[in-house]
Amino acid sequence: MARGPQSFYAKVIKRTLDVALAFFGLVVLALPMIIIALVIRIQDPGPALFKQRRIGQNKREFTIYKFRSMRMDTPHDTPTHLLENPEQYLLSCGAALRKYSLDELPQLINIFIGQMSIIGPRPALWNQDDLVAERDKYGANALKPGLTGWAQINGRDELEIESKAALDGEYAKNISFAFDVKCFFKTIGKVFRHEGVVEGGTGTLNGKDGETK
């Protein structure tokens, strides 16, 4: 399903806000992010960041950045919910990183360089063909993926793929400054209440260290 012409906000203002907010976030959160990276490396030697192949705007693949929340010896290519006793692989800081979405902070880099937006559909993993196909029905794949989005604040990991894609489509159809502001502030409340988080619930996986989210 193709989307109609985008508004001036969607084409110009939204990107300007993304760059400004991402830059501000990277500056303000630089010290906390350095501390998180050091804690991860102390708890389990290895890179503090890991990379995942994700589906971006117009279904083009890109590399997303996240803080590592699981040990380096986690079985490769295995979603968290398929691991036997997945808690044994979580770093001591891993649960807190996931609970408060701190592992997502490095995605400010993706936003700053233009691969993502602050608000938009969460990027599907490279092998989530079912989610990508559902989003095609609503034109949601034409948008840049977001750090958070309308589906994230209406169920997050608890949503079925059909419902998630429909909410992404609703956002794509009604994208505006007011809608983005609403998503932004509702996300803050959801994060502090850590609602809708199911370990491994999205079925996304990392081909290198088995991380999922």
C-alpha atoms as a PDB file:
ATOM      1  CA  MET A   1       0.000   0.000   0.000  1.00  0.00           C
ATOM      2  CA  ALA A   2       1.591   3.262  -1.111  1.00  0.00           C
ATOM      3  CA  ARG A   3       1.408   6.379   0.994  1.00  0.00           C
ATOM      4  CA  GLY A   4       0.259   9.708  -0.354  1.00  0.00           C
ATOM      5  CA  PRO A   5       2.354  12.892  -0.410  1.00  0.00           C
ATOM      6  CA  GLN A   6       3.953  13.646   2.935  1.00  0.00           C
ATOM      7  CA  SER A   7       3.315  16.866   4.793  1.00  0.00           C
ATOM      8  CA  PHE A   8       5.981  19.557   5.192  1.00  0.00           C
ATOM      9  CA  TYR A   9       6.298  18.464   8.810  1.00  0.00           C
ATOM     10  CA  ALA A  10       6.979  14.847   7.854  1.00  0.00           C
ATOM     11  CA  LYS A  11       9.450  15.766   5.093  1.00  0.00           C
ATOM     12  CA  VAL A  12      11.406  18.616   6.691  1.00  0.00           C
ATOM     13  CA  ILE A  13      10.561  19.589  10.264  1.00  0.00           C
ATOM     14  CA  LYS A  14      10.573  16.057  11.658  1.00  0.00           C
ATOM     15  CA  ARG A  15      14.122  15.407  10.432  1.00  0.00           C
ATOM     16  CA  THR A  16      15.311  18.743  11.825  1.00  0.00           C
ATOM     17  CA  LEU A  17      13.868  17.870  15.226  1.00  0.00           C
ATOM     18  CA  ASP A  18      15.423  14.396  15.068  1.00  0.00           C
ATOM     19  CA  VAL A  19      18.899  15.807  14.465  1.00  0.00           C
ATOM     20  CA  ALA A  20      18.546  18.421  17.203  1.00  0.00           C
ATOM     21  CA  LEU A  21      17.145  16.014  19.803  1.00  0.00           C
ATOM     22  CA  ALA A  22      19.623  13.249  18.974  1.00  0.00           C
ATOM     23  CA  PHE A  23      22.567  15.641  19.235  1.00  0.00           C
ATOM     24  CA  PHE A  24      21.247  17.046  22.512  1.00  0.00           C
ATOM     25  CA  GLY A  25      20.694  13.528  23.855  1.00  0.00           C
ATOM     26  CA  LEU A  26      24.175  12.348  22.898  1.00  0.00           C
ATOM     27  CA  VAL A  27      25.752  15.357  24.618  1.00  0.00           C
ATOM     28  CA  VAL A  28      23.656  15.251  27.786  1.00  0.00           C
ATOM     29  CA  LEU A  29      23.780  11.460  28.107  1.00  0.00           C
ATOM     30  CA  ALA A  30      27.427  11.042  27.126  1.00  0.00           C
ATOM     31  CA  LEU A  31      28.638  10.471  30.696  1.00  0.00           C
ATOM     32  CA  PRO A  32      25.837   8.031  31.674  1.00  0.00           C
ATOM     33  CA  MET A  33      26.424   6.105  28.436  1.00  0.00           C
ATOM     34  CA  ILE A  34      30.151   5.880  29.137  1.00  0.00           C
ATOM     35  CA  ILE A  35      29.398   4.588  32.642  1.00  0.00           C
ATOM     36  CA  ILE A  36      26.968   1.979  31.250  1.00  0.00           C
ATOM     37  CA  ALA A  37      29.592   0.849  28.737  1.00  0.00           C
ATOM     38  CA  LEU A  38      32.231   0.514  31.471  1.00  0.00           C
ATOM     39  CA  VAL A  39      29.886  -1.469  33.723  1.00  0.00           C
ATOM     40  CA  ILE A  40      29.099  -3.875  30.873  1.00  0.00           C
ATOM     41  CA  ARG A  41      32.772  -4.422  30.087  1.00  0.00           C
ATOM     42  CA  ILE A  42      33.626  -4.945  33.752  1.00  0.00           C
ATOM     43  CA  GLN A  43      30.851  -7.495  34.211  1.00  0.00           C
ATOM     44  CA  ASP A  44      31.665  -9.380  31.015  1.00  0.00           C
ATOM     45  CA  PRO A  45      34.766  -8.588  28.918  1.00  0.00           C
ATOM     46  CA  GLY A  46      33.875  -7.802  25.353  1.00  0.00           C
ATOM     47  CA  PRO A  47      32.298  -4.973  23.381  1.00  0.00           C
ATOM     48  CA  ALA A  48      29.745  -2.878  25.259  1.00  0.00           C
ATOM     49  CA  LEU A  49      27.811  -2.294  22.048  1.00  0.00           C
ATOM     50  CA  PHE A  50      26.434  -4.872  19.686  1.00  0.00           C
ATOM     51  CA  LYS A  51      24.962  -4.577  16.238  1.00  0.00           C
ATOM     52  CA  GLN A  52      21.828  -6.008  14.676  1.00  0.00           C
ATOM     53  CA  ARG A  53      20.596  -6.067  11.100  1.00  0.00           C
ATOM     54  CA  ARG A  54      17.254  -4.285  10.974  1.00  0.00           C
ATOM     55  CA  ILE A  55      14.783  -3.230   8.299  1.00  0.00           C
ATOM     56  CA  GLY A  56      14.690   0.521   7.772  1.00  0.00           C
ATOM     57  CA  GLN A  57      12.827   2.994   5.599  1.00  0.00           C
ATOM     58  CA  ASN A  58      11.505   1.495   2.359  1.00  0.00           C
ATOM     59  CA  LYS A  59      12.649  -1.934   3.596  1.00  0.00           C
ATOM     60  CA  ARG A  60      16.348  -1.156   3.266  1.00  0.00           C
ATOM     61  CA  GLU A  61      18.596  -2.920   5.771  1.00  0.00           C
ATOM     62  CA  PHE A  62      20.693  -0.950   8.238  1.00  0.00           C
ATOM     63  CA  THR A  63      22.743  -1.682  11.343  1.00  0.00           C
ATOM     64  CA  ILE A  64      21.200  -0.740  14.665  1.00  0.00           C
ATOM     65  CA  TYR A  65      23.275  -0.100  17.804  1.00  0.00           C
ATOM     66  CA  LYS A  66      22.378  -1.242  21.309  1.00  0.00           C
ATOM     67  CA  PHE A  67      24.081  -1.784  24.637  1.00  0.00           C
ATOM     68  CA  ARG A  68      24.829  -5.445  25.266  1.00  0.00           C
ATOM     69  CA  SER A  69      22.715  -6.845  28.101  1.00  0.00           C
ATOM     70  CA  MET A  70      23.710 -10.530  27.844  1.00  0.00           C
ATOM     71  CA  ARG A  71      26.972 -12.428  28.216  1.00  0.00           C
ATOM     72  CA  MET A  72      29.261 -13.073  25.288  1.00  0.00           C
ATOM     73  CA  ASP A  73      28.720 -16.841  25.627  1.00  0.00           C
ATOM     74  CA  THR A  74      24.959 -16.585  24.982  1.00  0.00           C
ATOM     75  CA  PRO A  75      24.044 -19.105  22.223  1.00  0.00           C
ATOM     76  CA  HIS A  76      24.150 -17.432  18.824  1.00  0.00           C
ATOM     77  CA  ASP A  77      21.037 -16.951  16.687  1.00  0.00           C
ATOM     78  CA  THR A  78      18.690 -17.921  19.519  1.00  0.00           C
ATOM     79  CA  PRO A  79      15.884 -15.578  20.652  1.00  0.00           C
ATOM     80  CA  THR A  80      15.770 -15.007  24.392  1.00  0.00           C
ATOM     81  CA  HIS A  81      12.397 -16.698  24.809  1.00  0.00           C
ATOM     82  CA  LEU A  82      13.776 -19.881  23.190  1.00  0.00           C
ATOM     83  CA  LEU A  83      16.748 -20.130  25.531  1.00  0.00           C
ATOM     84  CA  GLU A  84      16.611 -22.582  28.407  1.00  0.00           C
ATOM     85  CA  ASN A  85      16.694 -20.425  31.531  1.00  0.00           C
ATOM     86  CA  PRO A  86      17.595 -17.190  29.686  1.00  0.00           C
ATOM     87  CA  GLU A  87      18.150 -15.363  32.978  1.00  0.00           C
ATOM     88  CA  GLN A  88      21.444 -17.206  33.387  1.00  0.00           C
ATOM     89  CA  TYR A  89      22.837 -15.295  30.407  1.00  0.00           C
ATOM     90  CA  LEU A  90      21.748 -11.826  31.516  1.00  0.00           C
ATOM     91  CA  LEU A  91      24.448  -9.570  32.855  1.00  0.00           C
ATOM     92  CA  SER A  92      23.915  -8.253  36.366  1.00  0.00           C
ATOM     93  CA  CYS A  93      23.056  -4.902  34.835  1.00  0.00           C
ATOM     94  CA  GLY A  94      21.153  -6.452  31.928  1.00  0.00           C
ATOM     95  CA  ALA A  95      17.718  -6.635  33.529  1.00  0.00           C
ATOM     96  CA  ALA A  96      17.816  -2.959  34.505  1.00  0.00           C
ATOM     97  CA  LEU A  97      19.071  -1.934  31.065  1.00  0.00           C
ATOM     98  CA  ARG A  98      16.133  -3.689  29.428  1.00  0.00           C
ATOM     99  CA  LYS A  99      13.562  -2.752  32.049  1.00  0.00           C
ATOM    100  CA  TYR A 100      14.184   0.957  31.554  1.00  0.00           C
ATOM    101  CA  SER A 101      15.147   0.692  27.845  1.00  0.00           C
ATOM    102  CA  LEU A 102      18.645   2.014  28.576  1.00  0.00           C
ATOM    103  CA  ASP A 103      20.037  -0.554  26.131  1.00  0.00           C
ATOM    104  CA  GLU A 104      18.357   1.452  23.351  1.00  0.00           C
ATOM    105  CA  LEU A 105      20.297   4.684  24.013  1.00  0.00           C
ATOM    106  CA  PRO A 106      22.980   4.053  21.361  1.00  0.00           C
ATOM    107  CA  GLN A 107      20.226   4.339  18.756  1.00  0.00           C
ATOM    108  CA  LEU A 108      20.603   8.093  19.148  1.00  0.00           C
ATOM    109  CA  ILE A 109      23.545   7.564  16.787  1.00  0.00           C
ATOM    110  CA  ASN A 110      21.241   5.909  14.234  1.00  0.00           C
ATOM    111  CA  ILE A 111      18.872   8.857  14.539  1.00  0.00           C
ATOM    112  CA  PHE A 112      21.593  11.460  14.170  1.00  0.00           C
ATOM    113  CA  ILE A 113      22.983   9.914  10.974  1.00  0.00           C
ATOM    114  CA  GLY A 114      19.519   9.631   9.445  1.00  0.00           C
ATOM    115  CA  GLN A 115      18.752   5.908   9.665  1.00  0.00           C
ATOM    116  CA  MET A 116      16.063   6.292  12.318  1.00  0.00           C
ATOM    117  CA  SER A 117      13.689   8.859  13.799  1.00  0.00           C
ATOM    118  CA  ILE A 118      12.750   9.633  17.384  1.00  0.00           C
ATOM    119  CA  ILE A 119       9.159   8.551  16.650  1.00  0.00           C
ATOM    120  CA  GLY A 120       8.215   5.852  14.157  1.00  0.00           C
ATOM    121  CA  PRO A 121       7.560   2.105  13.841  1.00  0.00           C
ATOM    122  CA  ARG A 122      10.134   0.064  15.737  1.00  0.00           C
ATOM    123  CA  PRO A 123      12.575  -1.429  13.199  1.00  0.00           C
ATOM    124  CA  ALA A 124      11.833  -5.038  12.312  1.00  0.00           C
ATOM    125  CA  LEU A 125      14.647  -7.559  12.433  1.00  0.00           C
ATOM    126  CA  TRP A 126      16.064  -8.691   9.099  1.00  0.00           C
ATOM    127  CA  ASN A 127      14.122 -11.982   9.256  1.00  0.00           C
ATOM    128  CA  GLN A 128      10.760 -10.675  10.500  1.00  0.00           C
ATOM    129  CA  ASP A 129       9.105 -11.112   7.125  1.00  0.00           C
ATOM    130  CA  ASP A 130       5.659 -11.451   8.681  1.00  0.00           C
ATOM    131  CA  LEU A 131       5.841  -8.049  10.383  1.00  0.00           C
ATOM    132  CA  VAL A 132       7.275  -6.371   7.286  1.00  0.00           C
ATOM    133  CA  ALA A 133       4.510  -7.870   5.135  1.00  0.00           C
ATOM    134  CA  GLU A 134       1.813  -6.667   7.534  1.00  0.00           C
ATOM    135  CA  ARG A 135       3.284  -3.166   7.591  1.00  0.00           C
ATOM    136  CA  ASP A 136       3.204  -3.126   3.789  1.00  0.00           C
ATOM    137  CA  LYS A 137      -0.590  -3.243   3.984  1.00  0.00           C
ATOM    138  CA  TYR A 138      -0.596   0.106   5.789  1.00  0.00           C
ATOM    139  CA  GLY A 139       2.313   1.881   4.113  1.00  0.00           C
ATOM    140  CA  ALA A 140       4.252   1.886   7.383  1.00  0.00           C
ATOM    141  CA  ASN A 141       7.457   0.602   5.754  1.00  0.00           C
ATOM    142  CA  ALA A 142       7.789   3.946   3.959  1.00  0.00           C
ATOM    143  CA  LEU A 143       8.622   5.631   7.280  1.00  0.00           C
ATOM    144  CA  LYS A 144      11.942   5.768   9.064  1.00  0.00           C
ATOM    145  CA  PRO A 145      11.882   3.365  12.016  1.00  0.00           C
ATOM    146  CA  GLY A 146      11.709   5.007  15.417  1.00  0.00           C
ATOM    147  CA  LEU A 147      13.275   4.822  18.846  1.00  0.00           C
ATOM    148  CA  THR A 148       9.692   4.647  20.044  1.00  0.00           C
ATOM    149  CA  GLY A 149       6.303   4.792  18.385  1.00  0.00           C
ATOM    150  CA  TRP A 150       2.535   4.518  18.572  1.00  0.00           C
ATOM    151  CA  ALA A 151       2.627   0.723  18.833  1.00  0.00           C
ATOM    152  CA  GLN A 152       5.261   0.923  21.590  1.00  0.00           C
ATOM    153  CA  ILE A 153       2.975   2.918  23.868  1.00  0.00           C
ATOM    154  CA  ASN A 154      -0.046   0.747  23.098  1.00  0.00           C
ATOM    155  CA  GLY A 155       1.249  -2.645  24.091  1.00  0.00           C
ATOM    156  CA  ARG A 156       4.931  -2.855  23.171  1.00  0.00           C
ATOM    157  CA  ASP A 157       6.110  -6.506  23.359  1.00  0.00           C
ATOM    158  CA  GLU A 158       2.646  -7.775  24.275  1.00  0.00           C
ATOM    159  CA  LEU A 159       1.145  -6.922  20.868  1.00  0.00           C
ATOM    160  CA  GLU A 160       0.424  -9.476  18.179  1.00  0.00           C
ATOM    161  CA  ILE A 161       2.045  -8.713  14.835  1.00  0.00           C
ATOM    162  CA  GLU A 162      -1.268  -7.808  13.179  1.00  0.00           C
ATOM    163  CA  SER A 163      -2.139  -5.323  15.911  1.00  0.00           C
ATOM    164  CA  LYS A 164       1.351  -3.833  15.934  1.00  0.00           C
ATOM    165  CA  ALA A 165       1.304  -3.306  12.158  1.00  0.00           C
ATOM    166  CA  ALA A 166      -2.161  -1.729  12.316  1.00  0.00           C
ATOM    167  CA  LEU A 167      -0.995   0.755  14.937  1.00  0.00           C
ATOM    168  CA  ASP A 168       2.085   1.543  12.856  1.00  0.00           C
ATOM    169  CA  GLY A 169      -0.254   2.178   9.948  1.00  0.00           C
ATOM    170  CA  GLU A 170      -2.392   4.474  12.071  1.00  0.00           C
ATOM    171  CA  TYR A 171       0.714   6.489  12.879  1.00  0.00           C
ATOM    172  CA  ALA A 172       1.761   6.599   9.215  1.00  0.00           C
ATOM    173  CA  LYS A 173      -1.662   7.917   8.241  1.00  0.00           C
ATOM    174  CA  ASN A 174      -1.850  10.577  10.952  1.00  0.00           C
ATOM    175  CA  ILE A 175       1.772  11.655  11.380  1.00  0.00           C
ATOM    176  CA  SER A 176       2.030  15.191  12.776  1.00  0.00           C
ATOM    177  CA  PHE A 177       3.940  17.269  15.305  1.00  0.00           C
ATOM    178  CA  ALA A 178       1.149  16.872  17.875  1.00  0.00           C
ATOM    179  CA  PHE A 179       1.084  13.091  17.372  1.00  0.00           C
ATOM    180  CA  ASP A 180       4.862  12.871  17.811  1.00  0.00           C
ATOM    181  CA  VAL A 181       4.742  14.954  20.999  1.00  0.00           C
ATOM    182  CA  LYS A 182       2.010  12.679  22.343  1.00  0.00           C
ATOM    183  CA  CYS A 183       4.070   9.558  21.578  1.00  0.00           C
ATOM    184  CA  PHE A 184       7.198  11.089  23.112  1.00  0.00           C
ATOM    185  CA  PHE A 185       5.683  11.954  26.482  1.00  0.00           C
ATOM    186  CA  LYS A 186       3.603   8.791  26.712  1.00  0.00           C
ATOM    187  CA  THR A 187       6.792   6.802  26.106  1.00  0.00           C
ATOM    188  CA  ILE A 188       8.447   8.439  29.103  1.00  0.00           C
ATOM    189  CA  GLY A 189       5.581   7.309  31.324  1.00  0.00           C
ATOM    190  CA  LYS A 190       5.662   3.776  29.896  1.00  0.00           C
ATOM    191  CA  VAL A 191       9.407   3.461  30.444  1.00  0.00           C
ATOM    192  CA  PHE A 192       9.252   4.525  34.080  1.00  0.00           C
ATOM    193  CA  ARG A 193       6.345   2.145  34.682  1.00  0.00           C
ATOM    194  CA  HIS A 194       8.093  -0.468  32.496  1.00  0.00           C
ATOM    195  CA  GLU A 195       4.761  -1.563  31.040  1.00  0.00           C
ATOM    196  CA  GLY A 196       4.379  -4.032  28.180  1.00  0.00           C
ATOM    197  CA  VAL A 197       7.869  -5.516  28.410  1.00  0.00           C
ATOM    198  CA  VAL A 198       8.020  -9.269  27.783  1.00  0.00           C
ATOM    199  CA  GLU A 199      11.463 -10.843  27.729  1.00  0.00           C
ATOM    200  CA  GLY A 200      12.071 -11.902  24.155  1.00  0.00           C
ATOM    201  CA  GLY A 201       8.510 -10.966  23.282  1.00  0.00           C
ATOM    202  CA  THR A 202       9.349  -9.370  19.961  1.00  0.00           C
ATOM    203  CA  GLY A 203      11.177 -12.448  18.757  1.00  0.00           C
ATOM    204  CA  THR A 204      14.027 -10.325  17.486  1.00  0.00           C
ATOM    205  CA  LEU A 205      17.493 -11.798  17.662  1.00  0.00           C
ATOM    206  CA  ASN A 206      21.091 -10.865  17.151  1.00  0.00           C
ATOM    207  CA  GLY A 207      23.089 -13.019  14.818  1.00  0.00           C
ATOM    208  CA  LYS A 208      26.239 -12.428  16.867  1.00  0.00           C
ATOM    209  CA  ASP A 209      25.440 -12.843  20.508  1.00  0.00           C
ATOM    210  CA  GLY A 210      21.837 -13.976  20.660  1.00  0.00           C
ATOM    211  CA  GLU A 211      20.465 -10.794  22.196  1.00  0.00           C
ATOM    212  CA  THR A 212      16.790 -10.124  21.621  1.00  0.00           C
ATOM    213  CA  LYS A 213      14.426  -7.277  22.299  1.00  0.00           C
END
